[in-house]
Protein backbone atom coordinates (compact mmCIF):
# COMPACT_ATOMS: atom_id res chain seq x y z
CA MET A 1 34.74 -7.59 -16.14
CA LYS A 2 33.39 -6.13 -12.91
CA LYS A 3 30.33 -7.90 -11.44
CA THR A 4 27.44 -5.72 -10.38
CA PRO A 5 24.46 -6.67 -8.23
CA LEU A 6 21.19 -7.23 -10.06
CA ARG A 7 19.57 -4.52 -8.01
CA LYS A 8 21.65 -1.47 -7.28
CA LYS A 9 20.90 0.63 -4.23
CA SER A 10 19.21 3.88 -5.05
CA LYS A 11 21.06 7.11 -4.45
CA ASN A 12 17.73 8.93 -4.17
CA PRO A 13 17.15 9.44 -0.40
CA GLU A 14 13.34 9.48 -0.77
CA LYS A 15 13.34 6.14 -2.64
CA THR A 16 15.71 4.69 -0.03
CA ALA A 17 13.36 5.83 2.77
CA LYS A 18 10.35 4.30 0.97
CA ASP A 19 12.25 1.03 0.44
CA ARG A 20 13.18 0.82 4.15
CA ALA A 21 9.54 1.43 5.15
CA ASP A 22 8.36 -1.22 2.68
CA ARG A 23 10.94 -3.71 4.00
CA ALA A 24 9.64 -3.07 7.54
CA LEU A 25 6.05 -3.65 6.32
CA GLN A 26 7.02 -6.93 4.59
CA ASP A 27 8.96 -8.17 7.63
CA SER A 28 6.09 -7.25 9.96
CA TYR A 29 3.50 -9.23 7.97
CA ARG A 30 5.81 -12.26 7.73
CA ARG A 31 6.48 -12.08 11.49
CA ASN A 32 2.85 -11.58 12.54
CA TYR A 33 1.04 -13.78 9.99
CA PRO A 34 3.42 -16.72 9.37
CA ASN A 35 0.67 -19.24 8.57
CA GLU A 36 -1.18 -17.25 5.93
CA LYS A 37 -1.66 -18.81 2.51
CA CYS A 38 -1.13 -17.31 -0.93
CA GLU A 39 -4.46 -15.81 -2.06
CA VAL A 40 -3.86 -17.17 -5.56
CA CYS A 41 -2.59 -20.75 -5.29
CA GLY A 42 -3.00 -21.58 -1.60
CA GLY A 43 0.73 -22.14 -1.07
CA LYS A 44 2.78 -20.53 1.70
CA PHE A 45 2.79 -16.74 1.39
CA ASP A 46 6.17 -15.04 1.03
CA LEU A 47 5.33 -11.36 0.64
CA MET A 48 2.63 -8.74 0.53
CA HIS A 49 1.79 -7.73 -3.04
CA HIS A 50 0.60 -4.13 -3.52
CA HIS A 51 -2.48 -4.25 -5.77
CA ILE A 52 -2.18 -0.53 -6.52
CA GLU A 53 1.40 -0.13 -7.66
CA LYS A 54 3.71 1.40 -5.08
CA SER A 55 4.51 4.39 -7.25
CA ASN A 56 0.85 5.23 -7.90
CA SER A 57 -0.54 5.57 -4.39
CA MET A 58 1.62 6.15 -1.36
CA PHE A 59 -1.45 6.25 0.93
CA ALA A 60 -2.60 2.83 -0.22
CA ARG A 61 0.90 1.42 -0.25
CA TRP A 62 1.46 1.35 3.50
CA MET A 63 -1.61 2.14 5.51
CA GLN A 64 -4.44 0.29 3.78
CA PRO A 65 -4.56 -3.48 4.40
CA LYS A 66 -7.11 -3.88 1.58
CA ASN A 67 -4.34 -3.00 -0.91
CA LEU A 68 -2.03 -5.73 0.40
CA ILE A 69 -2.37 -9.26 -0.96
CA PHE A 70 -0.85 -12.32 0.73
CA ILE A 71 1.04 -13.96 -2.13
CA CYS A 72 3.86 -16.45 -2.82
CA LYS A 73 6.97 -15.63 -4.86
CA GLU A 74 5.89 -17.69 -7.86
CA CYS A 75 2.50 -15.97 -8.20
CA HIS A 76 4.11 -12.56 -7.60
CA GLN A 77 6.64 -13.19 -10.35
CA ALA A 78 3.86 -14.31 -12.70
CA ILE A 79 2.10 -10.96 -12.16
CA HIS A 80 5.28 -8.98 -12.82
CA PHE A 81 6.04 -10.97 -15.96
CA GLY A 82 2.66 -10.07 -17.46
CA ASN A 83 0.40 -12.94 -16.43
CA ALA A 84 -2.91 -11.42 -15.31
CA ASP A 85 -4.38 -14.73 -14.11
CA PRO A 86 -3.19 -14.38 -10.47
CA VAL A 87 -4.73 -10.87 -10.27
CA GLY A 88 -8.01 -12.30 -11.56
CA VAL A 89 -7.96 -15.11 -8.99
CA TYR A 90 -7.45 -12.89 -5.95
CA SER A 91 -9.77 -10.17 -7.31
CA ILE A 92 -12.62 -12.66 -7.71
CA GLY A 93 -11.86 -14.03 -4.26
CA ARG A 94 -12.05 -10.54 -2.77
CA SER A 95 -15.23 -9.48 -4.67
CA VAL A 96 -16.50 -6.66 -6.84
CA TYR A 97 -17.08 -4.55 -3.71
CA TRP A 98 -13.36 -4.74 -2.93
CA MET A 99 -12.57 -3.63 -6.50
CA ASN A 100 -14.87 -0.60 -6.07
CA GLU A 101 -13.03 0.32 -2.84
CA ILE A 102 -9.71 0.01 -4.69
CA ARG A 103 -10.97 2.28 -7.49
CA GLU A 104 -11.83 4.94 -4.90
CA MET A 105 -8.47 4.48 -3.20
CA ARG A 106 -6.67 5.16 -6.49
CA LYS A 107 -8.16 8.66 -6.50
CA GLN A 108 -6.68 9.60 -3.11
CA LYS A 109 -3.67 11.84 -3.11
CA PRO A 110 -0.47 10.83 -1.32
CA VAL A 111 -0.43 12.07 2.26
CA HIS A 112 3.00 10.90 3.36
CA LYS A 113 5.83 13.22 4.34
CA PHE A 114 9.58 12.85 4.50
CA LYS A 115 11.51 14.03 7.56
CA LYS A 116 15.19 13.89 8.34
CA VAL A 117 15.83 11.92 11.55
CA GLY A 118 19.48 11.93 12.49
CA ASN A 119 21.29 11.30 9.22
CA LYS A 120 18.40 9.33 7.64
CA LEU A 121 15.41 10.50 5.66
CA LYS A 122 12.27 8.69 6.89
CA VAL A 123 8.70 8.33 5.68
CA PHE A 124 5.92 9.59 7.97
CA TYR A 125 2.17 9.14 7.69
CA GLN A 126 -0.04 11.19 10.03
CA GLY A 127 3.00 11.82 12.22
CA ILE A 128 3.92 8.12 12.41
CA ASP A 129 7.39 6.93 11.37
CA LEU A 130 6.34 4.00 9.17
CA GLU A 131 9.60 2.10 9.45
CA GLU A 132 9.42 2.30 13.26
CA TYR A 133 5.70 1.51 13.31
CA TYR A 134 6.03 -1.71 11.33
CA ALA A 135 9.08 -2.77 13.31
CA ASN A 136 7.10 -2.57 16.59
CA ASN A 137 3.42 -3.14 15.81
CA LYS A 138 1.21 -5.86 14.40
CA PRO A 139 -0.27 -4.56 11.13
CA GLU A 140 -3.94 -4.98 10.31
CA LYS A 141 -5.01 -7.88 8.16
CA TRP A 142 -7.70 -7.28 5.54
CA VAL A 143 -10.85 -9.28 6.27
CA ASN A 144 -13.28 -10.00 3.47
CA LYS A 145 -16.53 -8.63 4.86
CA TYR A 146 -18.24 -9.47 1.56
CA ALA A 147 -17.63 -13.24 1.66
CA LYS A 148 -20.73 -15.37 1.88
């Protein structure tokens, strides 16, 4: 019986471009904020969780730090396996004002574009190659301006 990887690479060039841009975003946050803690349990953060699902808001996915949650693998898995407790913990920590901003963000239409660069399809936002941007720049970190 032939073994297959758990996650097959997509043959859809747009999905591949989005995945490369997301990988660059994840790597950039890990590189630039190595000492951040998980917003749920306080452990070491491993990845940036997208509060608004990636497929539902391209604008929020990459360019809005308020949509990105510092989180560890265990808490991230708990969310994806149906446990809403971690979402409640970081939502309370971020405040009702943050939730209102997220609700407004959900209404925004995607503003990204795909362009062929060489033999690769890439994701652009306001003329910026996102994969290149995150590889070479320090991304913004969301700051809770509502904390007492």
